[in-house]
Amino acid sequence: MPRFMVESYPVGITAQELTAASHRAAEVTDKLRLEGIDVWLIESTLVPAEESLFCIFEAPSREVVEQVVGRSGIPMDRVSQVVDVGPRGTH
């Protein structure tokens, strides 16, 4: 399934607000899967010093990602299709 990265560089939105928006995005993807749309929030990375948020989604299309972002309130500066090329670490 394609992966997409949403980049958010909002001005005036706190790290706490971005974290809450990420949690809402996970809830939205859960609801959409119940409706038969195969979409997943894979990872969210917050850069507190810059109040920036990066979210990786698996979704059938960019439009589905934009729907999740819109419903969750994540400010979206850019969405790009991405490919995972690195090893996954284990803890």
PDB file of N, CA and C in Angstrom:
ATOM      1  N   MET A   1       0.853  -1.167   0.000  1.00  0.00           N
ATOM      2  CA  MET A   1       0.000   0.000   0.000  1.00  0.00           C
ATOM      3  C   MET A   1       0.906   1.239   0.000  1.00  0.00           C
ATOM      4  N   PRO A   2       0.520   2.278  -0.708  1.00  0.00           N
ATOM      5  CA  PRO A   2       1.333   3.500  -0.737  1.00  0.00           C
ATOM      6  C   PRO A   2       1.447   4.145   0.648  1.00  0.00           C
ATOM      7  N   ARG A   3       2.578   4.807   0.845  1.00  0.00           N
ATOM      8  CA  ARG A   3       2.813   5.574   2.073  1.00  0.00           C
ATOM      9  C   ARG A   3       2.901   7.047   1.724  1.00  0.00           C
ATOM     10  N   PHE A   4       2.427   7.866   2.652  1.00  0.00           N
ATOM     11  CA  PHE A   4       2.427   9.311   2.468  1.00  0.00           C
ATOM     12  C   PHE A   4       2.946   9.967   3.729  1.00  0.00           C
ATOM     13  N   MET A   5       3.714  11.038   3.572  1.00  0.00           N
ATOM     14  CA  MET A   5       4.187  11.811   4.713  1.00  0.00           C
ATOM     15  C   MET A   5       3.509  13.172   4.707  1.00  0.00           C
ATOM     16  N   VAL A   6       2.909  13.501   5.834  1.00  0.00           N
ATOM     17  CA  VAL A   6       2.309  14.818   6.029  1.00  0.00           C
ATOM     18  C   VAL A   6       3.283  15.638   6.853  1.00  0.00           C
ATOM     19  N   GLU A   7       3.602  16.824   6.353  1.00  0.00           N
ATOM     20  CA  GLU A   7       4.505  17.733   7.048  1.00  0.00           C
ATOM     21  C   GLU A   7       3.697  18.927   7.549  1.00  0.00           C
ATOM     22  N   SER A   8       3.890  19.267   8.824  1.00  0.00           N
ATOM     23  CA  SER A   8       3.199  20.397   9.435  1.00  0.00           C
ATOM     24  C   SER A   8       4.216  21.316  10.096  1.00  0.00           C
ATOM     25  N   TYR A   9       4.217  22.564   9.666  1.00  0.00           N
ATOM     26  CA  TYR A   9       5.093  23.588  10.244  1.00  0.00           C
ATOM     27  C   TYR A   9       4.229  24.772  10.674  1.00  0.00           C
ATOM     28  N   PRO A  10       3.265  24.544  11.534  1.00  0.00           N
ATOM     29  CA  PRO A  10       2.325  25.609  11.867  1.00  0.00           C
ATOM     30  C   PRO A  10       2.938  26.672  12.765  1.00  0.00           C
ATOM     31  N   VAL A  11       2.515  27.869  12.559  1.00  0.00           N
ATOM     32  CA  VAL A  11       2.954  28.978  13.404  1.00  0.00           C
ATOM     33  C   VAL A  11       1.914  29.170  14.499  1.00  0.00           C
ATOM     34  N   GLY A  12       2.369  29.229  15.735  1.00  0.00           N
ATOM     35  CA  GLY A  12       1.464  29.511  16.843  1.00  0.00           C
ATOM     36  C   GLY A  12       0.730  28.313  17.398  1.00  0.00           C
ATOM     37  N   ILE A  13       1.080  27.111  16.969  1.00  0.00           N
ATOM     38  CA  ILE A  13       0.453  25.901  17.510  1.00  0.00           C
ATOM     39  C   ILE A  13       1.496  25.187  18.353  1.00  0.00           C
ATOM     40  N   THR A  14       1.133  24.836  19.555  1.00  0.00           N
ATOM     41  CA  THR A  14       2.080  24.241  20.493  1.00  0.00           C
ATOM     42  C   THR A  14       2.318  22.766  20.203  1.00  0.00           C
ATOM     43  N   ALA A  15       3.380  22.258  20.794  1.00  0.00           N
ATOM     44  CA  ALA A  15       3.693  20.838  20.683  1.00  0.00           C
ATOM     45  C   ALA A  15       2.551  19.993  21.253  1.00  0.00           C
ATOM     46  N   GLN A  16       1.929  20.458  22.329  1.00  0.00           N
ATOM     47  CA  GLN A  16       0.801  19.722  22.917  1.00  0.00           C
ATOM     48  C   GLN A  16      -0.370  19.655  21.943  1.00  0.00           C
ATOM     49  N   GLU A  17      -0.648  20.748  21.268  1.00  0.00           N
ATOM     50  CA  GLU A  17      -1.750  20.769  20.296  1.00  0.00           C
ATOM     51  C   GLU A  17      -1.452  19.852  19.120  1.00  0.00           C
ATOM     52  N   LEU A  18      -0.200  19.826  18.670  1.00  0.00           N
ATOM     53  CA  LEU A  18       0.162  18.932  17.568  1.00  0.00           C
ATOM     54  C   LEU A  18       0.069  17.468  17.992  1.00  0.00           C
ATOM     55  N   THR A  19       0.473  17.178  19.229  1.00  0.00           N
ATOM     56  CA  THR A  19       0.357  15.817  19.754  1.00  0.00           C
ATOM     57  C   THR A  19      -1.114  15.393  19.809  1.00  0.00           C
ATOM     58  N   ALA A  20      -1.970  16.275  20.263  1.00  0.00           N
ATOM     59  CA  ALA A  20      -3.406  15.972  20.320  1.00  0.00           C
ATOM     60  C   ALA A  20      -3.964  15.729  18.922  1.00  0.00           C
ATOM     61  N   ALA A  21      -3.520  16.515  17.947  1.00  0.00           N
ATOM     62  CA  ALA A  21      -3.980  16.329  16.570  1.00  0.00           C
ATOM     63  C   ALA A  21      -3.537  14.975  16.035  1.00  0.00           C
ATOM     64  N   SER A  22      -2.342  14.545  16.382  1.00  0.00           N
ATOM     65  CA  SER A  22      -1.861  13.231  15.965  1.00  0.00           C
ATOM     66  C   SER A  22      -2.733  12.118  16.553  1.00  0.00           C
ATOM     67  N   HIS A  23      -3.107  12.254  17.823  1.00  0.00           N
ATOM     68  CA  HIS A  23      -3.982  11.265  18.448  1.00  0.00           C
ATOM     69  C   HIS A  23      -5.351  11.241  17.759  1.00  0.00           C
ATOM     70  N   ARG A  24      -5.848  12.416  17.392  1.00  0.00           N
ATOM     71  CA  ARG A  24      -7.133  12.466  16.670  1.00  0.00           C
ATOM     72  C   ARG A  24      -7.006  11.787  15.317  1.00  0.00           C
ATOM     73  N   ALA A  25      -5.869  11.951  14.652  1.00  0.00           N
ATOM     74  CA  ALA A  25      -5.664  11.304  13.350  1.00  0.00           C
ATOM     75  C   ALA A  25      -5.740   9.785  13.487  1.00  0.00           C
ATOM     76  N   ALA A  26      -5.164   9.249  14.563  1.00  0.00           N
ATOM     77  CA  ALA A  26      -5.253   7.807  14.800  1.00  0.00           C
ATOM     78  C   ALA A  26      -6.703   7.372  14.994  1.00  0.00           C
ATOM     79  N   GLU A  27      -7.484   8.182  15.706  1.00  0.00           N
ATOM     80  CA  GLU A  27      -8.905   7.872  15.899  1.00  0.00           C
ATOM     81  C   GLU A  27      -9.667   7.931  14.574  1.00  0.00           C
ATOM     82  N   VAL A  28      -9.345   8.910  13.745  1.00  0.00           N
ATOM     83  CA  VAL A  28     -10.009   9.035  12.436  1.00  0.00           C
ATOM     84  C   VAL A  28      -9.691   7.828  11.566  1.00  0.00           C
ATOM     85  N   THR A  29      -8.419   7.372  11.568  1.00  0.00           N
ATOM     86  CA  THR A  29      -8.089   6.202  10.749  1.00  0.00           C
ATOM     87  C   THR A  29      -8.842   4.970  11.253  1.00  0.00           C
ATOM     88  N   ASP A  30      -8.995   4.837  12.567  1.00  0.00           N
ATOM     89  CA  ASP A  30      -9.782   3.725  13.117  1.00  0.00           C
ATOM     90  C   ASP A  30     -11.214   3.761  12.587  1.00  0.00           C
ATOM     91  N   LYS A  31     -11.827   4.934  12.591  1.00  0.00           N
ATOM     92  CA  LYS A  31     -13.210   5.072  12.112  1.00  0.00           C
ATOM     93  C   LYS A  31     -13.314   4.780  10.622  1.00  0.00           C
ATOM     94  N   LEU A  32     -12.354   5.265   9.849  1.00  0.00           N
ATOM     95  CA  LEU A  32     -12.393   5.025   8.408  1.00  0.00           C
ATOM     96  C   LEU A  32     -12.219   3.543   8.082  1.00  0.00           C
ATOM     97  N   ARG A  33     -11.388   2.837   8.839  1.00  0.00           N
ATOM     98  CA  ARG A  33     -11.253   1.397   8.611  1.00  0.00           C
ATOM     99  C   ARG A  33     -12.567   0.677   8.886  1.00  0.00           C
ATOM    100  N   LEU A  34     -13.310   1.133   9.898  1.00  0.00           N
ATOM    101  CA  LEU A  34     -14.626   0.544  10.170  1.00  0.00           C
ATOM    102  C   LEU A  34     -15.589   0.775   9.001  1.00  0.00           C
ATOM    103  N   GLU A  35     -15.328   1.862   8.241  1.00  0.00           N
ATOM    104  CA  GLU A  35     -16.146   2.166   7.063  1.00  0.00           C
ATOM    105  C   GLU A  35     -15.624   1.460   5.805  1.00  0.00           C
ATOM    106  N   GLY A  36     -14.560   0.662   5.975  1.00  0.00           N
ATOM    107  CA  GLY A  36     -14.032  -0.097   4.849  1.00  0.00           C
ATOM    108  C   GLY A  36     -12.903   0.574   4.085  1.00  0.00           C
ATOM    109  N   ILE A  37     -12.350   1.677   4.617  1.00  0.00           N
ATOM    110  CA  ILE A  37     -11.225   2.365   3.968  1.00  0.00           C
ATOM    111  C   ILE A  37      -9.950   1.958   4.685  1.00  0.00           C
ATOM    112  N   ASP A  38      -9.046   1.309   3.964  1.00  0.00           N
ATOM    113  CA  ASP A  38      -7.826   0.765   4.549  1.00  0.00           C
ATOM    114  C   ASP A  38      -6.775   1.865   4.680  1.00  0.00           C
ATOM    115  N   VAL A  39      -6.769   2.538   5.814  1.00  0.00           N
ATOM    116  CA  VAL A  39      -5.825   3.626   6.073  1.00  0.00           C
ATOM    117  C   VAL A  39      -5.261   3.477   7.475  1.00  0.00           C
ATOM    118  N   TRP A  40      -3.949   3.724   7.599  1.00  0.00           N
ATOM    119  CA  TRP A  40      -3.270   3.552   8.880  1.00  0.00           C
ATOM    120  C   TRP A  40      -2.353   4.724   9.151  1.00  0.00           C
ATOM    121  N   LEU A  41      -2.325   5.187  10.379  1.00  0.00           N
ATOM    122  CA  LEU A  41      -1.310   6.135  10.820  1.00  0.00           C
ATOM    123  C   LEU A  41      -0.159   5.283  11.329  1.00  0.00           C
ATOM    124  N   ILE A  42       0.953   5.283  10.606  1.00  0.00           N
ATOM    125  CA  ILE A  42       2.091   4.426  10.928  1.00  0.00           C
ATOM    126  C   ILE A  42       2.964   5.036  12.004  1.00  0.00           C
ATOM    127  N   GLU A  43       3.230   6.328  11.869  1.00  0.00           N
ATOM    128  CA  GLU A  43       4.159   6.980  12.792  1.00  0.00           C
ATOM    129  C   GLU A  43       3.908   8.476  12.799  1.00  0.00           C
ATOM    130  N   SER A  44       4.059   9.077  13.958  1.00  0.00           N
ATOM    131  CA  SER A  44       4.033  10.530  14.094  1.00  0.00           C
ATOM    132  C   SER A  44       5.294  10.937  14.838  1.00  0.00           C
ATOM    133  N   THR A  45       5.985  11.924  14.303  1.00  0.00           N
ATOM    134  CA  THR A  45       7.205  12.408  14.930  1.00  0.00           C
ATOM    135  C   THR A  45       7.065  13.905  15.171  1.00  0.00           C
ATOM    136  N   LEU A  46       7.212  14.291  16.413  1.00  0.00           N
ATOM    137  CA  LEU A  46       7.124  15.688  16.806  1.00  0.00           C
ATOM    138  C   LEU A  46       8.537  16.228  17.000  1.00  0.00           C
ATOM    139  N   VAL A  47       8.784  17.408  16.468  1.00  0.00           N
ATOM    140  CA  VAL A  47      10.047  18.109  16.691  1.00  0.00           C
ATOM    141  C   VAL A  47       9.708  19.297  17.588  1.00  0.00           C
ATOM    142  N   PRO A  48       9.781  19.103  18.915  1.00  0.00           N
ATOM    143  CA  PRO A  48       9.306  20.132  19.842  1.00  0.00           C
ATOM    144  C   PRO A  48       9.983  21.487  19.673  1.00  0.00           C
ATOM    145  N   ALA A  49      11.277  21.492  19.428  1.00  0.00           N
ATOM    146  CA  ALA A  49      11.995  22.760  19.321  1.00  0.00           C
ATOM    147  C   ALA A  49      11.489  23.608  18.157  1.00  0.00           C
ATOM    148  N   GLU A  50      10.942  22.950  17.146  1.00  0.00           N
ATOM    149  CA  GLU A  50      10.441  23.671  15.977  1.00  0.00           C
ATOM    150  C   GLU A  50       8.912  23.655  15.888  1.00  0.00           C
ATOM    151  N   GLU A  51       8.274  22.992  16.866  1.00  0.00           N
ATOM    152  CA  GLU A  51       6.821  22.838  16.857  1.00  0.00           C
ATOM    153  C   GLU A  51       6.344  22.344  15.495  1.00  0.00           C
ATOM    154  N   SER A  52       7.014  21.274  15.023  1.00  0.00           N
ATOM    155  CA  SER A  52       6.698  20.663  13.738  1.00  0.00           C
ATOM    156  C   SER A  52       6.261  19.223  13.961  1.00  0.00           C
ATOM    157  N   LEU A  53       5.444  18.725  13.054  1.00  0.00           N
ATOM    158  CA  LEU A  53       4.926  17.369  13.148  1.00  0.00           C
ATOM    159  C   LEU A  53       5.049  16.699  11.789  1.00  0.00           C
ATOM    160  N   PHE A  54       5.510  15.447  11.802  1.00  0.00           N
ATOM    161  CA  PHE A  54       5.614  14.644  10.585  1.00  0.00           C
ATOM    162  C   PHE A  54       4.849  13.351  10.829  1.00  0.00           C
ATOM    163  N   CYS A  55       3.900  13.045   9.961  1.00  0.00           N
ATOM    164  CA  CYS A  55       3.085  11.843  10.108  1.00  0.00           C
ATOM    165  C   CYS A  55       3.219  10.987   8.862  1.00  0.00           C
ATOM    166  N   ILE A  56       3.391   9.679   9.072  1.00  0.00           N
ATOM    167  CA  ILE A  56       3.450   8.722   7.980  1.00  0.00           C
ATOM    168  C   ILE A  56       2.155   7.907   7.994  1.00  0.00           C
ATOM    169  N   PHE A  57       1.499   7.880   6.857  1.00  0.00           N
ATOM    170  CA  PHE A  57       0.257   7.130   6.688  1.00  0.00           C
ATOM    171  C   PHE A  57       0.433   6.076   5.606  1.00  0.00           C
ATOM    172  N   GLU A  58      -0.254   4.952   5.762  1.00  0.00           N
ATOM    173  CA  GLU A  58      -0.465   4.023   4.661  1.00  0.00           C
ATOM    174  C   GLU A  58      -1.910   4.216   4.249  1.00  0.00           C
ATOM    175  N   ALA A  59      -2.112   4.451   2.962  1.00  0.00           N
ATOM    176  CA  ALA A  59      -3.463   4.744   2.480  1.00  0.00           C
ATOM    177  C   ALA A  59      -3.535   4.431   0.988  1.00  0.00           C
ATOM    178  N   PRO A  60      -4.737   4.176   0.498  1.00  0.00           N
ATOM    179  CA  PRO A  60      -4.877   3.884  -0.931  1.00  0.00           C
ATOM    180  C   PRO A  60      -4.625   5.091  -1.823  1.00  0.00           C
ATOM    181  N   SER A  61      -4.742   6.307  -1.254  1.00  0.00           N
ATOM    182  CA  SER A  61      -4.552   7.500  -2.085  1.00  0.00           C
ATOM    183  C   SER A  61      -4.218   8.717  -1.230  1.00  0.00           C
ATOM    184  N   ARG A  62      -3.696   9.715  -1.898  1.00  0.00           N
ATOM    185  CA  ARG A  62      -3.411  11.004  -1.250  1.00  0.00           C
ATOM    186  C   ARG A  62      -4.704  11.627  -0.722  1.00  0.00           C
ATOM    187  N   GLU A  63      -5.782  11.458  -1.461  1.00  0.00           N
ATOM    188  CA  GLU A  63      -7.068  12.037  -1.058  1.00  0.00           C
ATOM    189  C   GLU A  63      -7.552  11.485   0.277  1.00  0.00           C
ATOM    190  N   VAL A  64      -7.315  10.201   0.512  1.00  0.00           N
ATOM    191  CA  VAL A  64      -7.707   9.610   1.794  1.00  0.00           C
ATOM    192  C   VAL A  64      -6.892  10.237   2.928  1.00  0.00           C
ATOM    193  N   VAL A  65      -5.601  10.424   2.702  1.00  0.00           N
ATOM    194  CA  VAL A  65      -4.748  11.064   3.714  1.00  0.00           C
ATOM    195  C   VAL A  65      -5.234  12.482   3.980  1.00  0.00           C
ATOM    196  N   GLU A  66      -5.547  13.209   2.934  1.00  0.00           N
ATOM    197  CA  GLU A  66      -6.042  14.577   3.104  1.00  0.00           C
ATOM    198  C   GLU A  66      -7.353  14.591   3.880  1.00  0.00           C
ATOM    199  N   GLN A  67      -8.192  13.580   3.684  1.00  0.00           N
ATOM    200  CA  GLN A  67      -9.437  13.475   4.445  1.00  0.00           C
ATOM    201  C   GLN A  67      -9.128  13.261   5.930  1.00  0.00           C
ATOM    202  N   VAL A  68      -8.193  12.369   6.249  1.00  0.00           N
ATOM    203  CA  VAL A  68      -7.820  12.120   7.646  1.00  0.00           C
ATOM    204  C   VAL A  68      -7.290  13.396   8.279  1.00  0.00           C
ATOM    205  N   VAL A  69      -6.392  14.058   7.572  1.00  0.00           N
ATOM    206  CA  VAL A  69      -5.775  15.283   8.089  1.00  0.00           C
ATOM    207  C   VAL A  69      -6.835  16.355   8.341  1.00  0.00           C
ATOM    208  N   GLY A  70      -7.739  16.512   7.401  1.00  0.00           N
ATOM    209  CA  GLY A  70      -8.800  17.507   7.556  1.00  0.00           C
ATOM    210  C   GLY A  70      -9.704  17.215   8.744  1.00  0.00           C
ATOM    211  N   ARG A  71     -10.053  15.958   8.915  1.00  0.00           N
ATOM    212  CA  ARG A  71     -10.941  15.587  10.013  1.00  0.00           C
ATOM    213  C   ARG A  71     -10.259  15.624  11.375  1.00  0.00           C
ATOM    214  N   SER A  72      -8.941  15.494  11.390  1.00  0.00           N
ATOM    215  CA  SER A  72      -8.228  15.457  12.676  1.00  0.00           C
ATOM    216  C   SER A  72      -7.694  16.820  13.101  1.00  0.00           C
ATOM    217  N   GLY A  73      -7.692  17.776  12.188  1.00  0.00           N
ATOM    218  CA  GLY A  73      -7.230  19.115  12.530  1.00  0.00           C
ATOM    219  C   GLY A  73      -5.723  19.295  12.473  1.00  0.00           C
ATOM    220  N   ILE A  74      -5.023  18.382  11.809  1.00  0.00           N
ATOM    221  CA  ILE A  74      -3.585  18.556  11.634  1.00  0.00           C
ATOM    222  C   ILE A  74      -3.367  19.628  10.566  1.00  0.00           C
ATOM    223  N   PRO A  75      -2.639  20.686  10.884  1.00  0.00           N
ATOM    224  CA  PRO A  75      -2.337  21.670   9.859  1.00  0.00           C
ATOM    225  C   PRO A  75      -1.383  21.035   8.842  1.00  0.00           C
ATOM    226  N   MET A  76      -1.748  21.060   7.575  1.00  0.00           N
ATOM    227  CA  MET A  76      -0.946  20.378   6.565  1.00  0.00           C
ATOM    228  C   MET A  76      -0.247  21.393   5.670  1.00  0.00           C
ATOM    229  N   ASP A  77       1.083  21.367   5.716  1.00  0.00           N
ATOM    230  CA  ASP A  77       1.855  22.205   4.809  1.00  0.00           C
ATOM    231  C   ASP A  77       2.170  21.459   3.521  1.00  0.00           C
ATOM    232  N   ARG A  78       2.382  20.136   3.644  1.00  0.00           N
ATOM    233  CA  ARG A  78       2.703  19.363   2.449  1.00  0.00           C
ATOM    234  C   ARG A  78       2.398  17.902   2.702  1.00  0.00           C
ATOM    235  N   VAL A  79       1.961  17.216   1.658  1.00  0.00           N
ATOM    236  CA  VAL A  79       1.803  15.765   1.699  1.00  0.00           C
ATOM    237  C   VAL A  79       2.522  15.201   0.481  1.00  0.00           C
ATOM    238  N   SER A  80       3.342  14.183   0.726  1.00  0.00           N
ATOM    239  CA  SER A  80       4.145  13.588  -0.339  1.00  0.00           C
ATOM    240  C   SER A  80       4.088  12.078  -0.229  1.00  0.00           C
ATOM    241  N   GLN A  81       4.073  11.407  -1.377  1.00  0.00           N
ATOM    242  CA  GLN A  81       4.194   9.957  -1.344  1.00  0.00           C
ATOM    243  C   GLN A  81       5.643   9.624  -1.036  1.00  0.00           C
ATOM    244  N   VAL A  82       5.862   8.666  -0.127  1.00  0.00           N
ATOM    245  CA  VAL A  82       7.210   8.307   0.316  1.00  0.00           C
ATOM    246  C   VAL A  82       7.396   6.795   0.244  1.00  0.00           C
ATOM    247  N   VAL A  83       8.662   6.379   0.314  1.00  0.00           N
ATOM    248  CA  VAL A  83       9.020   4.967   0.289  1.00  0.00           C
ATOM    249  C   VAL A  83       9.936   4.695   1.467  1.00  0.00           C
ATOM    250  N   ASP A  84       9.632   3.676   2.232  1.00  0.00           N
ATOM    251  CA  ASP A  84      10.462   3.287   3.375  1.00  0.00           C
ATOM    252  C   ASP A  84      11.651   2.492   2.847  1.00  0.00           C
ATOM    253  N   VAL A  85      12.866   3.019   3.051  1.00  0.00           N
ATOM    254  CA  VAL A  85      14.059   2.362   2.519  1.00  0.00           C
ATOM    255  C   VAL A  85      15.045   1.937   3.618  1.00  0.00           C
ATOM    256  N   GLY A  86      14.770   2.309   4.851  1.00  0.00           N
ATOM    257  CA  GLY A  86      15.732   2.041   5.909  1.00  0.00           C
ATOM    258  C   GLY A  86      15.338   0.857   6.763  1.00  0.00           C
ATOM    259  N   PRO A  87      16.301   0.348   7.519  1.00  0.00           N
ATOM    260  CA  PRO A  87      15.997  -0.752   8.449  1.00  0.00           C
ATOM    261  C   PRO A  87      15.159  -0.262   9.614  1.00  0.00           C
ATOM    262  N   ARG A  88      14.350  -1.127  10.122  1.00  0.00           N
ATOM    263  CA  ARG A  88      13.551  -0.830  11.307  1.00  0.00           C
ATOM    264  C   ARG A  88      14.343  -1.307  12.514  1.00  0.00           C
ATOM    265  N   GLY A  89      14.540  -0.409  13.465  1.00  0.00           N
ATOM    266  CA  GLY A  89      15.268  -0.777  14.675  1.00  0.00           C
ATOM    267  C   GLY A  89      14.390  -1.574  15.628  1.00  0.00           C
ATOM    268  N   THR A  90      15.020  -2.350  16.460  1.00  0.00           N
ATOM    269  CA  THR A  90      14.290  -3.067  17.514  1.00  0.00           C
ATOM    270  C   THR A  90      14.818  -2.546  18.837  1.00  0.00           C
ATOM    271  N   HIS A  91      13.947  -2.509  19.804  1.00  0.00           N
ATOM    272  CA  HIS A  91      14.333  -1.965  21.114  1.00  0.00           C
ATOM    273  C   HIS A  91      14.509  -3.058  22.113  1.00  0.00           C
TER     274      HIS A  91
END
